[in-house]
Structure formats: structure tokens, C-alpha cells
Amino acid sequence: MKVVLFCGGYGMRMRTAEGDVIPKPLQMVGPRPLLWHVMRYYAHYGHRDFILCLGYGAEKIKDFFLSYRETESNDFVLRDGRVELADSDISDWRITFVDTGLESPIGERLRRVRRHLGDDEFFLANYADVLTDAPLNTMIEDTIAADASASMLVVPPQSSFHCVDLASTGEVKEILPLSQFPVGVNGGYFVLKQDVIDLIPENGDLVGDACHALAGTGRLIGYRHDGFWKPADTFKERAELDADYVNGIRPWAVWESAELVKAAS
């Protein structure tokens, strides 16, 4: 399936007071940008045909891939001045770069890349700023089996706030962490039929317009995931992911487990 990645926003919560010019998808987690980690996740599950919805920082994202250095994350042999790679990250990837505008909301970006989706009934979509170890192909299979038009990853609320149940007298009846409530939040990973795009008006939103229209019709399902899921909306969150990577804590890197199994066989 084709994978549509929304990576054209300004990323204001990621910017420094001095005005960081590095687009959020290129913020580093370990030796590679956040966007690379998201793409490696999809490639691990066999989905290597990417469509990048570009806007802010488009040239930097293009330059990253146009000057991609495989030697930074792969073993290699230097022989007679030539590099012989032991493995490759992106040699089997197909990446379509599309300028979808600086100010376009998510839904409009999706509308503008529809012509690149071809005749495939389903495609995948992602905000390109969240990492997870969710079993992607199970999510896809569940969506198809349910004859749904769309599905979204649903995760527990990540806020550390506590909810307080108040009686009319002001007595506190119960205090519970928000994460313990039987509700979920949009995890940013979507499986979609192309006809979902018909539900998005000009300059509309994927969730606010299309998913809202599908809710309650039986055509939208949620895949609940209680495993690893972490956004990188802010410098603090990105720094936490980077520190975890350095310390060998990277559950989102599902491809690494597969590589270890392959090496051991």
C-alpha cells in the first residue's frame, strides 16, 4: 500500500525561541531524523511506496533524501576507493515529493496528493511525528475484515493530569489519572479507502471532516493499542526519544528485532 506522510506543517511547538529552521520531520532521534524512523516502520511491514506532503522546510526534506548517506547507518567495506554496502536502508523505497502548500490543513494536503494514489483501494496515512510499535498489518487486516472505509490507531491519553469527580456539595468523590479512563485519543496512524477523500471539503480536515462524518455509521473503526506510542510534538518529547535511542530503548524500531533474527539464522 502507498503511505501518505503529512510533513509540511510549521511545527511551532518544536521551534526554539530563536526560530529553529529545521522542520519537525528532520529533528533527530539517534543518528537519523524522526521522518526516517516513521518510514522505516512502514518499510518493515512491506509498505515502501511513500508520498510526502511537503510545505514548510520542503527543500531541506528533499535535500536529505537527495544526498542520503547509507554509510551512516549501515556497515560497509571501502575497497579501491569504492563503497560496498553490507546492507541498505532505502534502496527499495519509492518516494514521491509533492508540494502541498505552506498553509494547507491535513485534509487539503491529502486532497492535493490524490492523483498520486493510483488505483489502489486502500492507502495508509500518518502525521509523521509519532512513533509506535503497533502491529500495522493487523490493523490493516482488521480494517479490511470489517469492511470499513477508515480506521485509526487509538491510544490511551498521555496526559499526566488527574480527573476529579465532584459532588454538588463540592466533595471530591474520586480522583483518577486521565490515562485510566475508558477513552482513547487519535494515535495518528490511519488506514483509508480513497473514497474517504470525497468527504473532505476544500481546505478541510481529515479527522474533523472525513472521520467525523464516518463516525457512527459503522464505516470507521478504531484499533486500540496499549503498547508503545509516543509523539514528538515538542522539543522535550523529541529529546526523550533521542535519549531513549542512545540508551538502547527503542521499541518503535521493530525492524531491529527482525534484523537480529535474520542475523542469528
Protein backbone atom coordinates (compact mmCIF):
# COMPACT_ATOMS: atom_id res chain seq x y z
CA MET A 1 0.00 0.00 0.00
CA LYS A 2 1.06 3.58 -0.59
CA VAL A 3 1.92 5.59 2.51
CA VAL A 4 0.95 9.29 2.67
CA LEU A 5 3.03 11.25 5.19
CA PHE A 6 1.98 14.73 6.25
CA CYS A 7 5.27 16.56 6.79
CA GLY A 8 4.61 20.13 5.68
CA GLY A 9 3.48 21.90 8.86
CA TYR A 10 5.40 24.63 10.64
CA GLY A 11 5.93 22.57 13.81
CA MET A 12 5.62 25.67 16.01
CA ARG A 13 5.76 23.69 19.28
CA MET A 14 9.11 22.27 18.14
CA ARG A 15 10.73 25.62 17.39
CA THR A 16 13.19 27.42 19.66
CA ALA A 17 12.84 30.99 20.82
CA GLU A 18 15.48 31.92 18.25
CA GLY A 19 13.34 30.42 15.47
CA ASP A 20 14.65 26.96 14.64
CA VAL A 21 14.59 26.49 10.86
CA ILE A 22 14.85 22.69 10.94
CA PRO A 23 11.44 21.23 10.00
CA LYS A 24 9.98 18.88 12.60
CA PRO A 25 10.27 15.73 10.42
CA LEU A 26 14.05 16.30 10.28
CA GLN A 27 14.55 16.66 14.03
CA MET A 28 16.99 13.96 15.10
CA VAL A 29 16.22 10.79 17.04
CA GLY A 30 19.52 8.98 17.34
CA PRO A 31 21.51 9.13 14.09
CA ARG A 32 18.50 9.67 11.83
CA PRO A 33 15.58 12.15 11.59
CA LEU A 34 12.13 11.46 13.01
CA LEU A 35 10.72 11.05 9.48
CA TRP A 36 13.23 8.27 8.73
CA HIS A 37 12.10 6.30 11.79
CA VAL A 38 8.45 6.55 10.71
CA MET A 39 9.33 5.41 7.18
CA ARG A 40 11.47 2.51 8.42
CA TYR A 41 8.49 1.36 10.49
CA TYR A 42 6.27 1.19 7.39
CA ALA A 43 9.02 -0.38 5.28
CA HIS A 44 9.42 -3.13 7.89
CA TYR A 45 5.82 -4.15 7.20
CA GLY A 46 6.39 -4.14 3.44
CA HIS A 47 4.95 -0.70 2.64
CA ARG A 48 7.72 1.17 0.83
CA ASP A 49 5.88 3.44 -1.63
CA PHE A 50 5.81 6.84 0.09
CA ILE A 51 4.11 10.11 -0.78
CA LEU A 52 5.48 13.08 1.17
CA CYS A 53 3.09 16.03 1.57
CA LEU A 54 5.55 18.91 1.70
CA GLY A 55 5.18 22.51 2.80
CA TYR A 56 7.40 24.22 5.36
CA GLY A 57 11.00 23.06 5.05
CA ALA A 58 10.35 21.21 1.78
CA GLU A 59 13.80 21.87 0.33
CA LYS A 60 15.53 20.54 3.45
CA ILE A 61 13.49 17.34 3.33
CA LYS A 62 14.23 16.89 -0.37
CA ASP A 63 17.94 17.53 0.21
CA PHE A 64 18.07 14.94 3.00
CA PHE A 65 16.98 12.19 0.62
CA LEU A 66 18.81 13.50 -2.45
CA SER A 67 22.09 13.44 -0.51
CA TYR A 68 21.24 10.37 1.61
CA ARG A 69 24.30 8.64 3.03
CA GLU A 70 23.73 4.92 3.51
CA THR A 71 27.08 4.62 5.29
CA GLU A 72 25.75 6.50 8.32
CA SER A 73 23.56 3.59 9.42
CA ASN A 74 24.94 0.57 7.55
CA ASP A 75 28.18 -1.40 7.70
CA PHE A 76 30.30 -1.13 4.58
CA VAL A 77 33.63 -2.03 3.02
CA LEU A 78 35.81 0.58 1.33
CA ARG A 79 37.74 -1.13 -1.46
CA ASP A 80 39.75 0.58 -4.20
CA GLY A 81 38.01 3.84 -3.41
CA ARG A 82 34.55 2.29 -3.80
CA VAL A 83 31.98 1.70 -1.08
CA GLU A 84 30.44 -1.76 -0.82
CA LEU A 85 27.41 -1.69 1.48
CA ALA A 86 26.68 -4.67 3.71
CA ASP A 87 23.03 -3.58 3.81
CA SER A 88 20.80 -0.73 2.70
CA ASP A 89 18.09 1.40 4.30
CA ILE A 90 16.21 2.99 1.43
CA SER A 91 17.37 1.40 -1.84
CA ASP A 92 13.97 -0.31 -2.29
CA TRP A 93 11.91 2.74 -1.31
CA ARG A 94 9.90 4.80 -3.81
CA ILE A 95 9.36 8.38 -2.60
CA THR A 96 7.08 10.92 -4.29
CA PHE A 97 7.69 14.52 -3.20
CA VAL A 98 4.63 16.79 -3.53
CA ASP A 99 4.37 20.48 -2.67
CA THR A 100 1.01 20.70 -0.88
CA GLY A 101 1.32 24.32 0.28
CA LEU A 102 2.61 26.16 3.31
CA GLU A 103 -0.73 26.82 4.96
CA SER A 104 -2.73 23.76 3.91
CA PRO A 105 -4.50 21.77 6.63
CA ILE A 106 -4.10 17.99 6.70
CA GLY A 107 -7.24 17.28 4.70
CA GLU A 108 -6.27 19.66 1.92
CA ARG A 109 -2.80 18.13 1.72
CA LEU A 110 -4.46 14.75 1.24
CA ARG A 111 -6.73 16.12 -1.48
CA ARG A 112 -3.71 17.50 -3.33
CA VAL A 113 -1.88 14.15 -3.49
CA ARG A 114 -4.87 12.06 -4.51
CA ARG A 115 -3.69 11.84 -8.11
CA HIS A 116 -0.59 10.00 -6.87
CA LEU A 117 -2.56 7.24 -5.16
CA GLY A 118 -3.26 5.40 -8.40
CA ASP A 119 -5.99 2.77 -8.47
CA ASP A 120 -5.31 1.22 -5.07
CA GLU A 121 -8.48 0.95 -2.99
CA PHE A 122 -6.69 1.43 0.34
CA PHE A 123 -3.74 3.54 1.39
CA LEU A 124 -2.01 4.41 4.67
CA ALA A 125 -1.59 7.87 6.18
CA ASN A 126 0.42 9.29 9.06
CA TYR A 127 1.23 12.63 10.72
CA ALA A 128 4.95 11.72 10.56
CA ASP A 129 5.60 12.90 14.13
CA VAL A 130 4.62 9.85 16.22
CA LEU A 131 6.47 6.60 16.87
CA THR A 132 4.84 3.31 17.88
CA ASP A 133 5.28 -0.46 17.95
CA ALA A 134 1.66 -1.12 16.97
CA PRO A 135 1.21 -4.19 14.69
CA LEU A 136 0.45 -2.32 11.48
CA ASN A 137 -0.55 -5.27 9.30
CA THR A 138 -3.02 -6.48 11.95
CA MET A 139 -4.61 -3.04 11.87
CA ILE A 140 -4.86 -3.24 8.08
CA GLU A 141 -6.35 -6.75 8.19
CA ASP A 142 -8.94 -5.71 10.79
CA THR A 143 -9.98 -2.72 8.67
CA ILE A 144 -10.49 -4.84 5.57
CA ALA A 145 -12.28 -7.61 7.51
CA ALA A 146 -14.70 -5.06 9.00
CA ASP A 147 -15.50 -3.72 5.51
CA ALA A 148 -14.72 -0.26 6.88
CA SER A 149 -13.76 2.82 4.91
CA ALA A 150 -11.29 4.01 7.50
CA SER A 151 -9.55 3.08 10.71
CA MET A 152 -7.37 4.99 13.12
CA LEU A 153 -4.95 3.92 15.79
CA VAL A 154 -6.45 4.69 19.21
CA VAL A 155 -4.18 5.02 22.24
CA PRO A 156 -4.70 5.87 25.92
CA PRO A 157 -4.49 9.58 26.83
CA GLN A 158 -0.88 10.51 27.50
CA SER A 159 -1.57 13.42 29.84
CA SER A 160 -0.36 13.21 33.45
CA PHE A 161 -3.39 15.19 34.64
CA HIS A 162 -5.81 13.68 37.16
CA CYS A 163 -9.57 13.90 36.69
CA VAL A 164 -11.61 14.87 39.73
CA ASP A 165 -15.21 13.74 40.26
CA LEU A 166 -17.01 16.42 42.28
CA ALA A 167 -20.32 16.11 44.10
CA SER A 168 -22.76 19.05 44.04
CA THR A 169 -21.58 19.92 47.56
CA GLY A 170 -18.01 20.25 46.39
CA GLU A 171 -16.94 16.96 47.96
CA VAL A 172 -14.29 15.14 45.96
CA LYS A 173 -15.74 11.69 45.25
CA GLU A 174 -12.90 10.20 43.23
CA ILE A 175 -9.56 11.08 41.65
CA LEU A 176 -8.28 9.10 38.67
CA PRO A 177 -5.40 9.57 36.24
CA LEU A 178 -6.71 10.53 32.82
CA SER A 179 -4.93 7.52 31.33
CA GLN A 180 -7.20 5.16 33.32
CA PHE A 181 -10.41 6.45 31.76
CA PRO A 182 -12.05 4.20 29.13
CA VAL A 183 -11.41 6.73 26.38
CA GLY A 184 -8.78 6.94 23.69
CA VAL A 185 -7.09 9.58 21.60
CA ASN A 186 -6.24 9.65 17.92
CA GLY A 187 -2.85 7.95 17.52
CA GLY A 188 -2.11 9.43 14.08
CA TYR A 189 -1.89 6.15 12.10
CA PHE A 190 -4.65 5.67 9.52
CA VAL A 191 -5.83 3.01 7.06
CA LEU A 192 -8.08 4.69 4.49
CA LYS A 193 -10.10 3.99 1.39
CA GLN A 194 -9.72 6.55 -1.36
CA ASP A 195 -13.40 7.45 -1.22
CA VAL A 196 -12.79 8.94 2.23
CA ILE A 197 -11.17 11.88 0.43
CA ASP A 198 -14.56 12.69 -1.10
CA LEU A 199 -15.73 13.62 2.41
CA ILE A 200 -13.09 16.34 2.79
CA PRO A 201 -14.11 19.82 1.59
CA GLU A 202 -11.63 22.30 0.19
CA ASN A 203 -9.19 23.27 2.96
CA GLY A 204 -10.86 20.69 5.18
CA ASP A 205 -9.54 18.28 7.78
CA LEU A 206 -9.08 14.51 7.70
CA VAL A 207 -10.34 13.90 11.24
CA GLY A 208 -12.62 16.89 11.77
CA ASP A 209 -14.43 16.42 8.46
CA ALA A 210 -13.99 12.93 6.99
CA CYS A 211 -13.66 10.85 10.17
CA HIS A 212 -16.35 12.89 11.91
CA ALA A 213 -18.73 12.15 9.00
CA LEU A 214 -17.94 8.41 9.22
CA ALA A 215 -18.32 8.14 13.00
CA GLY A 216 -21.46 6.27 13.99
CA THR A 217 -22.02 4.84 10.50
CA GLY A 218 -20.06 1.62 11.01
CA ARG A 219 -17.55 2.67 8.36
CA LEU A 220 -14.94 3.95 10.83
CA ILE A 221 -13.21 1.66 13.30
CA GLY A 222 -10.52 2.23 15.89
CA TYR A 223 -7.61 -0.09 16.59
CA ARG A 224 -6.85 0.12 20.31
CA HIS A 225 -3.15 -0.09 21.12
CA ASP A 226 -1.90 -0.12 24.71
CA GLY A 227 1.75 -0.69 23.81
CA PHE A 228 4.40 1.86 22.97
CA TRP A 229 3.24 5.13 21.44
CA LYS A 230 4.93 8.50 21.77
CA PRO A 231 4.55 11.77 19.87
CA ALA A 232 7.37 14.21 19.12
CA ASP A 233 5.36 17.43 19.09
CA THR A 234 7.75 19.32 21.34
CA PHE A 235 11.49 19.57 21.91
CA LYS A 236 11.04 17.80 25.25
CA GLU A 237 9.30 14.81 23.66
CA ARG A 238 11.85 14.62 20.85
CA ALA A 239 14.71 14.84 23.35
CA GLU A 240 13.18 12.00 25.38
CA LEU A 241 13.01 9.81 22.28
CA ASP A 242 16.58 10.72 21.41
CA ALA A 243 17.80 9.84 24.93
CA ASP A 244 15.94 6.53 24.82
CA TYR A 245 17.53 5.71 21.47
CA VAL A 246 21.02 6.40 22.82
CA ASN A 247 20.28 4.17 25.83
CA GLY A 248 19.08 1.32 23.63
CA ILE A 249 15.40 1.82 24.49
CA ARG A 250 13.67 1.99 21.13
CA PRO A 251 10.58 -0.25 20.99
CA TRP A 252 9.36 1.55 17.86
CA ALA A 253 12.34 0.15 15.91
CA VAL A 254 10.52 -3.09 15.08
CA TRP A 255 12.90 -3.63 12.16
CA GLU A 256 15.82 -4.13 14.53
CA SER A 257 14.27 -7.25 16.06
CA ALA A 258 13.75 -8.64 12.57
CA GLU A 259 17.39 -7.93 11.69
CA LEU A 260 18.59 -9.73 14.83
CA VAL A 261 16.52 -12.79 13.94
CA LYS A 262 17.88 -12.72 10.39
CA ALA A 263 21.47 -12.44 11.65
CA ALA A 264 21.01 -15.36 14.04
CA SER A 265 19.56 -17.70 11.38
